[in-house]
Amino acid sequence: MILAGTGMLSEVAETLVREGWHVVLPSRRYSPIAVPEPKQGVAALKALRPRGHRPTNGTGTGGGRKPGRALWVESHWDRPRELAKKAEAALGGPADLMVAWVHEQYRRSVLGACERLLTPHAPVVEVRGAGGPPVEPEPLLTAHPTQLVMVGAVSELDNSRPLAHAELSGAILFAVNRAVEGRPTSLHQVGLSRPLVR
């Protein structure tokens, strides 16, 4: 389940779908997730068995991963119980992963309402802004291993420009991979906070 503003985590959603995940995207506006078709011959190459493999009588599982899909659910942050109810219907069962980038004003109520939709030890990737006074950020859903991603305003590569979408998506996907691998709770910083005075 990905909780974020429309299109903000589209690259993350596309990657998860390509990897075979069923992704539910509750948000206010519909934003289609474009997942490119695999190139011709890729499926055949993936289906090749190692040298010496003997074919079975046809009762094998086929070796291919089921294709993923993305499902948008119309929802609003200011109605967290309704959002959770719609997401639950779309999920069709407990969620194995949550990626959340919810406006600070609604973060506690939305994540709290959706926590019951997660499997008992499902990992969470929580994305938050790093602006404002320095504080020690803490994950909201403490019962779940959380990769906390703090997002700055300017690029670490060039502090004269804003953080690029590719830099942000790369950092969040890194955190998603750590979460899926079962890594313990950790903090990740992407971008730098814009200085208050120059």
C-alpha atoms as a PDB file:
ATOM      1  CA  MET A   1       0.000   0.000   0.000  1.00  0.00           C
ATOM      2  CA  ILE A   2       1.346   3.416  -0.969  1.00  0.00           C
ATOM      3  CA  LEU A   3      -0.026   6.441   0.859  1.00  0.00           C
ATOM      4  CA  ALA A   4       1.141   9.602  -0.884  1.00  0.00           C
ATOM      5  CA  GLY A   5      -0.041  12.574  -2.855  1.00  0.00           C
ATOM      6  CA  THR A   6      -1.054  11.894  -6.444  1.00  0.00           C
ATOM      7  CA  GLY A   7       1.995  10.922  -8.475  1.00  0.00           C
ATOM      8  CA  MET A   8       4.539  11.739  -5.758  1.00  0.00           C
ATOM      9  CA  LEU A   9       5.709   8.137  -5.486  1.00  0.00           C
ATOM     10  CA  SER A  10       4.759   6.998  -8.994  1.00  0.00           C
ATOM     11  CA  GLU A  11       8.258   5.676  -9.757  1.00  0.00           C
ATOM     12  CA  VAL A  12       8.188   3.643  -6.542  1.00  0.00           C
ATOM     13  CA  ALA A  13       4.755   2.253  -7.481  1.00  0.00           C
ATOM     14  CA  GLU A  14       5.924   1.424 -11.027  1.00  0.00           C
ATOM     15  CA  THR A  15       8.967  -0.424  -9.678  1.00  0.00           C
ATOM     16  CA  LEU A  16       6.897  -2.464  -7.221  1.00  0.00           C
ATOM     17  CA  VAL A  17       4.398  -3.388  -9.948  1.00  0.00           C
ATOM     18  CA  ARG A  18       7.238  -4.481 -12.262  1.00  0.00           C
ATOM     19  CA  GLU A  19       8.501  -6.680  -9.412  1.00  0.00           C
ATOM     20  CA  GLY A  20       5.100  -8.387  -9.155  1.00  0.00           C
ATOM     21  CA  TRP A  21       3.502  -6.494  -6.239  1.00  0.00           C
ATOM     22  CA  HIS A  22      -0.213  -5.711  -6.041  1.00  0.00           C
ATOM     23  CA  VAL A  23      -0.072  -1.989  -5.207  1.00  0.00           C
ATOM     24  CA  VAL A  24      -3.017  -0.066  -3.754  1.00  0.00           C
ATOM     25  CA  LEU A  25      -2.781   3.716  -4.109  1.00  0.00           C
ATOM     26  CA  PRO A  26      -5.295   5.705  -2.049  1.00  0.00           C
ATOM     27  CA  SER A  27      -5.181   9.351  -3.157  1.00  0.00           C
ATOM     28  CA  ARG A  28      -7.412  12.251  -4.101  1.00  0.00           C
ATOM     29  CA  ARG A  29      -6.820  12.202  -7.864  1.00  0.00           C
ATOM     30  CA  TYR A  30      -6.206   9.351 -10.271  1.00  0.00           C
ATOM     31  CA  SER A  31      -2.671   9.095 -11.600  1.00  0.00           C
ATOM     32  CA  PRO A  32      -2.102   6.160 -13.954  1.00  0.00           C
ATOM     33  CA  ILE A  33       0.908   3.971 -13.309  1.00  0.00           C
ATOM     34  CA  ALA A  34       2.688   3.234 -16.576  1.00  0.00           C
ATOM     35  CA  VAL A  35       4.549  -0.048 -16.447  1.00  0.00           C
ATOM     36  CA  PRO A  36       6.418  -0.715 -19.691  1.00  0.00           C
ATOM     37  CA  GLU A  37       5.858  -4.035 -21.386  1.00  0.00           C
ATOM     38  CA  PRO A  38       8.851  -6.355 -21.213  1.00  0.00           C
ATOM     39  CA  LYS A  39      10.964  -6.485 -24.377  1.00  0.00           C
ATOM     40  CA  GLN A  40      10.394  -9.418 -26.693  1.00  0.00           C
ATOM     41  CA  GLY A  41      12.442 -12.426 -25.723  1.00  0.00           C
ATOM     42  CA  VAL A  42      12.973 -11.377 -22.091  1.00  0.00           C
ATOM     43  CA  ALA A  43      10.353 -13.831 -20.833  1.00  0.00           C
ATOM     44  CA  ALA A  44      11.958 -16.620 -22.878  1.00  0.00           C
ATOM     45  CA  LEU A  45      15.405 -15.831 -21.466  1.00  0.00           C
ATOM     46  CA  LYS A  46      14.044 -15.790 -17.919  1.00  0.00           C
ATOM     47  CA  ALA A  47      12.366 -19.155 -18.503  1.00  0.00           C
ATOM     48  CA  LEU A  48      15.635 -20.884 -19.533  1.00  0.00           C
ATOM     49  CA  ARG A  49      16.754 -23.533 -17.091  1.00  0.00           C
ATOM     50  CA  PRO A  50      20.359 -24.136 -16.052  1.00  0.00           C
ATOM     51  CA  ARG A  51      22.464 -26.595 -18.053  1.00  0.00           C
ATOM     52  CA  GLY A  52      21.540 -30.169 -17.218  1.00  0.00           C
ATOM     53  CA  HIS A  53      17.950 -29.336 -16.211  1.00  0.00           C
ATOM     54  CA  ARG A  54      15.466 -32.076 -17.122  1.00  0.00           C
ATOM     55  CA  PRO A  55      11.902 -31.087 -17.989  1.00  0.00           C
ATOM     56  CA  THR A  56       9.122 -32.405 -15.757  1.00  0.00           C
ATOM     57  CA  ASN A  57       5.865 -33.960 -16.866  1.00  0.00           C
ATOM     58  CA  GLY A  58       4.213 -30.530 -17.028  1.00  0.00           C
ATOM     59  CA  THR A  59       3.089 -30.249 -13.425  1.00  0.00           C
ATOM     60  CA  GLY A  60       5.747 -27.672 -12.506  1.00  0.00           C
ATOM     61  CA  THR A  61       4.919 -24.137 -11.482  1.00  0.00           C
ATOM     62  CA  GLY A  62       6.270 -22.508 -14.614  1.00  0.00           C
ATOM     63  CA  GLY A  63       9.039 -20.452 -13.013  1.00  0.00           C
ATOM     64  CA  GLY A  64       7.564 -17.052 -13.984  1.00  0.00           C
ATOM     65  CA  ARG A  65       6.567 -14.367 -11.533  1.00  0.00           C
ATOM     66  CA  LYS A  66       2.941 -13.229 -11.604  1.00  0.00           C
ATOM     67  CA  PRO A  67       2.579  -9.771 -13.099  1.00  0.00           C
ATOM     68  CA  GLY A  68       1.931  -7.003 -10.624  1.00  0.00           C
ATOM     69  CA  ARG A  69      -0.812  -4.422 -10.800  1.00  0.00           C
ATOM     70  CA  ALA A  70      -1.691  -1.028  -9.420  1.00  0.00           C
ATOM     71  CA  LEU A  71      -5.128  -0.111  -8.147  1.00  0.00           C
ATOM     72  CA  TRP A  72      -6.108   3.488  -7.412  1.00  0.00           C
ATOM     73  CA  VAL A  73      -8.621   4.205  -4.642  1.00  0.00           C
ATOM     74  CA  GLU A  74     -10.223   7.637  -4.380  1.00  0.00           C
ATOM     75  CA  SER A  75      -9.644   8.913  -0.865  1.00  0.00           C
ATOM     76  CA  HIS A  76      -8.913  12.007   1.204  1.00  0.00           C
ATOM     77  CA  TRP A  77      -6.482  12.503   4.091  1.00  0.00           C
ATOM     78  CA  ASP A  78      -9.107  14.334   6.139  1.00  0.00           C
ATOM     79  CA  ARG A  79     -11.269  11.166   6.172  1.00  0.00           C
ATOM     80  CA  PRO A  80      -8.816   8.538   7.468  1.00  0.00           C
ATOM     81  CA  ARG A  81     -11.360   5.868   8.490  1.00  0.00           C
ATOM     82  CA  GLU A  82     -13.050   6.044   5.085  1.00  0.00           C
ATOM     83  CA  LEU A  83      -9.628   5.902   3.397  1.00  0.00           C
ATOM     84  CA  ALA A  84      -8.699   2.785   5.398  1.00  0.00           C
ATOM     85  CA  LYS A  85     -12.029   1.108   4.603  1.00  0.00           C
ATOM     86  CA  LYS A  86     -11.616   1.703   0.844  1.00  0.00           C
ATOM     87  CA  ALA A  87      -7.979   0.592   0.920  1.00  0.00           C
ATOM     88  CA  GLU A  88      -8.943  -2.578   2.812  1.00  0.00           C
ATOM     89  CA  ALA A  89     -11.503  -3.490   0.143  1.00  0.00           C
ATOM     90  CA  ALA A  90      -8.944  -2.899  -2.628  1.00  0.00           C
ATOM     91  CA  LEU A  91      -6.202  -4.872  -0.888  1.00  0.00           C
ATOM     92  CA  GLY A  92      -8.254  -8.025  -0.521  1.00  0.00           C
ATOM     93  CA  GLY A  93      -6.155  -9.076   2.490  1.00  0.00           C
ATOM     94  CA  PRO A  94      -3.456  -7.758   4.826  1.00  0.00           C
ATOM     95  CA  ALA A  95      -0.748  -5.584   3.256  1.00  0.00           C
ATOM     96  CA  ASP A  96       2.854  -6.821   3.353  1.00  0.00           C
ATOM     97  CA  LEU A  97       4.390  -3.350   2.948  1.00  0.00           C
ATOM     98  CA  MET A  98       3.380   0.272   3.501  1.00  0.00           C
ATOM     99  CA  VAL A  99       5.103   3.253   1.908  1.00  0.00           C
ATOM    100  CA  ALA A 100       3.724   6.508   3.319  1.00  0.00           C
ATOM    101  CA  TRP A 101       4.383  10.151   2.488  1.00  0.00           C
ATOM    102  CA  VAL A 102       1.484  11.908   4.133  1.00  0.00           C
ATOM    103  CA  HIS A 103       1.268  15.620   4.941  1.00  0.00           C
ATOM    104  CA  GLU A 104       2.352  16.177   8.550  1.00  0.00           C
ATOM    105  CA  GLN A 105      -1.106  17.471   9.525  1.00  0.00           C
ATOM    106  CA  TYR A 106      -2.735  14.125   8.612  1.00  0.00           C
ATOM    107  CA  ARG A 107       0.158  11.698   9.146  1.00  0.00           C
ATOM    108  CA  ARG A 108      -0.818  10.437  12.602  1.00  0.00           C
ATOM    109  CA  SER A 109      -4.533   9.919  11.820  1.00  0.00           C
ATOM    110  CA  VAL A 110      -4.005   8.336   8.370  1.00  0.00           C
ATOM    111  CA  LEU A 111      -1.200   5.970   9.357  1.00  0.00           C
ATOM    112  CA  GLY A 112      -3.031   5.097  12.572  1.00  0.00           C
ATOM    113  CA  ALA A 113      -6.209   4.220  10.654  1.00  0.00           C
ATOM    114  CA  CYS A 114      -4.267   2.114   8.130  1.00  0.00           C
ATOM    115  CA  GLU A 115      -2.048   0.244  10.603  1.00  0.00           C
ATOM    116  CA  ARG A 116      -4.710  -2.448  11.084  1.00  0.00           C
ATOM    117  CA  LEU A 117      -4.458  -3.258   7.353  1.00  0.00           C
ATOM    118  CA  LEU A 118      -0.865  -4.478   7.718  1.00  0.00           C
ATOM    119  CA  THR A 119       0.331  -7.994   8.438  1.00  0.00           C
ATOM    120  CA  PRO A 120       1.719  -8.225  12.010  1.00  0.00           C
ATOM    121  CA  HIS A 121       5.361  -7.485  11.133  1.00  0.00           C
ATOM    122  CA  ALA A 122       4.953  -5.763   7.778  1.00  0.00           C
ATOM    123  CA  PRO A 123       7.713  -3.231   7.107  1.00  0.00           C
ATOM    124  CA  VAL A 124       6.924   0.446   6.682  1.00  0.00           C
ATOM    125  CA  VAL A 125       8.752   3.138   4.720  1.00  0.00           C
ATOM    126  CA  GLU A 126       7.778   6.515   6.151  1.00  0.00           C
ATOM    127  CA  VAL A 127       8.807   9.613   4.175  1.00  0.00           C
ATOM    128  CA  ARG A 128       8.858  12.977   5.967  1.00  0.00           C
ATOM    129  CA  GLY A 129      10.089  16.488   5.315  1.00  0.00           C
ATOM    130  CA  ALA A 130      13.337  17.474   7.037  1.00  0.00           C
ATOM    131  CA  GLY A 131      12.540  21.204   7.270  1.00  0.00           C
ATOM    132  CA  GLY A 132      11.951  23.089  10.475  1.00  0.00           C
ATOM    133  CA  PRO A 133      13.814  22.915  13.772  1.00  0.00           C
ATOM    134  CA  PRO A 134      16.095  19.889  14.228  1.00  0.00           C
ATOM    135  CA  VAL A 135      14.358  17.069  16.057  1.00  0.00           C
ATOM    136  CA  GLU A 136      15.116  13.387  16.483  1.00  0.00           C
ATOM    137  CA  PRO A 137      12.577  11.815  14.106  1.00  0.00           C
ATOM    138  CA  GLU A 138      10.774   8.743  15.370  1.00  0.00           C
ATOM    139  CA  PRO A 139       8.730   6.270  13.311  1.00  0.00           C
ATOM    140  CA  LEU A 140       5.010   6.512  13.959  1.00  0.00           C
ATOM    141  CA  LEU A 141       4.121   2.803  13.722  1.00  0.00           C
ATOM    142  CA  THR A 142       6.544   1.434  16.305  1.00  0.00           C
ATOM    143  CA  ALA A 143       5.226  -2.142  16.075  1.00  0.00           C
ATOM    144  CA  HIS A 144       6.557  -2.334  12.496  1.00  0.00           C
ATOM    145  CA  PRO A 145      10.184  -2.163  11.332  1.00  0.00           C
ATOM    146  CA  THR A 146      10.382   1.262   9.684  1.00  0.00           C
ATOM    147  CA  GLN A 147      12.761   2.804   7.195  1.00  0.00           C
ATOM    148  CA  LEU A 148      12.369   6.524   7.911  1.00  0.00           C
ATOM    149  CA  VAL A 149      13.330   8.763   4.961  1.00  0.00           C
ATOM    150  CA  MET A 150      13.880  12.437   5.789  1.00  0.00           C
ATOM    151  CA  VAL A 151      13.582  14.659   2.700  1.00  0.00           C
ATOM    152  CA  GLY A 152      15.496  17.915   2.429  1.00  0.00           C
ATOM    153  CA  ALA A 153      14.782  20.793   0.067  1.00  0.00           C
ATOM    154  CA  VAL A 154      18.022  21.060  -1.927  1.00  0.00           C
ATOM    155  CA  SER A 155      20.178  18.505  -3.707  1.00  0.00           C
ATOM    156  CA  GLU A 156      23.211  17.031  -1.989  1.00  0.00           C
ATOM    157  CA  LEU A 157      24.865  16.917  -5.425  1.00  0.00           C
ATOM    158  CA  ASP A 158      24.385  20.639  -6.117  1.00  0.00           C
ATOM    159  CA  ASN A 159      23.074  22.818  -3.282  1.00  0.00           C
ATOM    160  CA  SER A 160      22.102  25.563  -5.754  1.00  0.00           C
ATOM    161  CA  ARG A 161      19.148  23.530  -7.037  1.00  0.00           C
ATOM    162  CA  PRO A 162      16.160  21.751  -5.520  1.00  0.00           C
ATOM    163  CA  LEU A 163      16.206  18.025  -4.867  1.00  0.00           C
ATOM    164  CA  ALA A 164      15.512  16.215  -8.160  1.00  0.00           C
ATOM    165  CA  HIS A 165      12.700  13.693  -8.474  1.00  0.00           C
ATOM    166  CA  ALA A 166      15.194  10.989  -9.513  1.00  0.00           C
ATOM    167  CA  GLU A 167      17.292  11.576  -6.365  1.00  0.00           C
ATOM    168  CA  LEU A 168      14.203  11.363  -4.187  1.00  0.00           C
ATOM    169  CA  SER A 169      12.822   8.241  -5.889  1.00  0.00           C
ATOM    170  CA  GLY A 170      16.220   6.549  -5.696  1.00  0.00           C
ATOM    171  CA  ALA A 171      16.479   7.168  -1.952  1.00  0.00           C
ATOM    172  CA  ILE A 172      12.944   5.933  -1.307  1.00  0.00           C
ATOM    173  CA  LEU A 173      13.486   2.816  -3.441  1.00  0.00           C
ATOM    174  CA  PHE A 174      16.682   2.129  -1.484  1.00  0.00           C
ATOM    175  CA  ALA A 175      14.629   2.295   1.731  1.00  0.00           C
ATOM    176  CA  VAL A 176      11.918   0.064   0.193  1.00  0.00           C
ATOM    177  CA  ASN A 177      14.546  -2.545  -0.702  1.00  0.00           C
ATOM    178  CA  ARG A 178      15.911  -2.460   2.867  1.00  0.00           C
ATOM    179  CA  ALA A 179      12.361  -2.856   4.198  1.00  0.00           C
ATOM    180  CA  VAL A 180      11.595  -5.825   1.929  1.00  0.00           C
ATOM    181  CA  GLU A 181      14.916  -7.453   2.891  1.00  0.00           C
ATOM    182  CA  GLY A 182      13.784  -7.367   6.524  1.00  0.00           C
ATOM    183  CA  ARG A 183      16.363  -4.854   7.729  1.00  0.00           C
ATOM    184  CA  PRO A 184      15.839  -3.246  11.154  1.00  0.00           C
ATOM    185  CA  THR A 185      14.429   0.241  11.631  1.00  0.00           C
ATOM    186  CA  SER A 186      16.791   2.920  10.317  1.00  0.00           C
ATOM    187  CA  LEU A 187      16.960   6.582   9.304  1.00  0.00           C
ATOM    188  CA  HIS A 188      17.853   7.829   5.800  1.00  0.00           C
ATOM    189  CA  GLN A 189      18.486  11.449   4.773  1.00  0.00           C
ATOM    190  CA  VAL A 190      18.078  12.596   1.174  1.00  0.00           C
ATOM    191  CA  GLY A 191      18.798  16.171   0.197  1.00  0.00           C
ATOM    192  CA  LEU A 192      19.799  19.015   2.469  1.00  0.00           C
ATOM    193  CA  SER A 193      17.585  21.335   4.469  1.00  0.00           C
ATOM    194  CA  ARG A 194      17.486  24.774   2.934  1.00  0.00           C
ATOM    195  CA  PRO A 195      19.304  27.204   5.225  1.00  0.00           C
ATOM    196  CA  LEU A 196      17.034  29.743   6.898  1.00  0.00           C
ATOM    197  CA  VAL A 197      19.541  32.599   6.371  1.00  0.00           C
ATOM    198  CA  ARG A 198      22.131  33.062   3.650  1.00  0.00           C
END
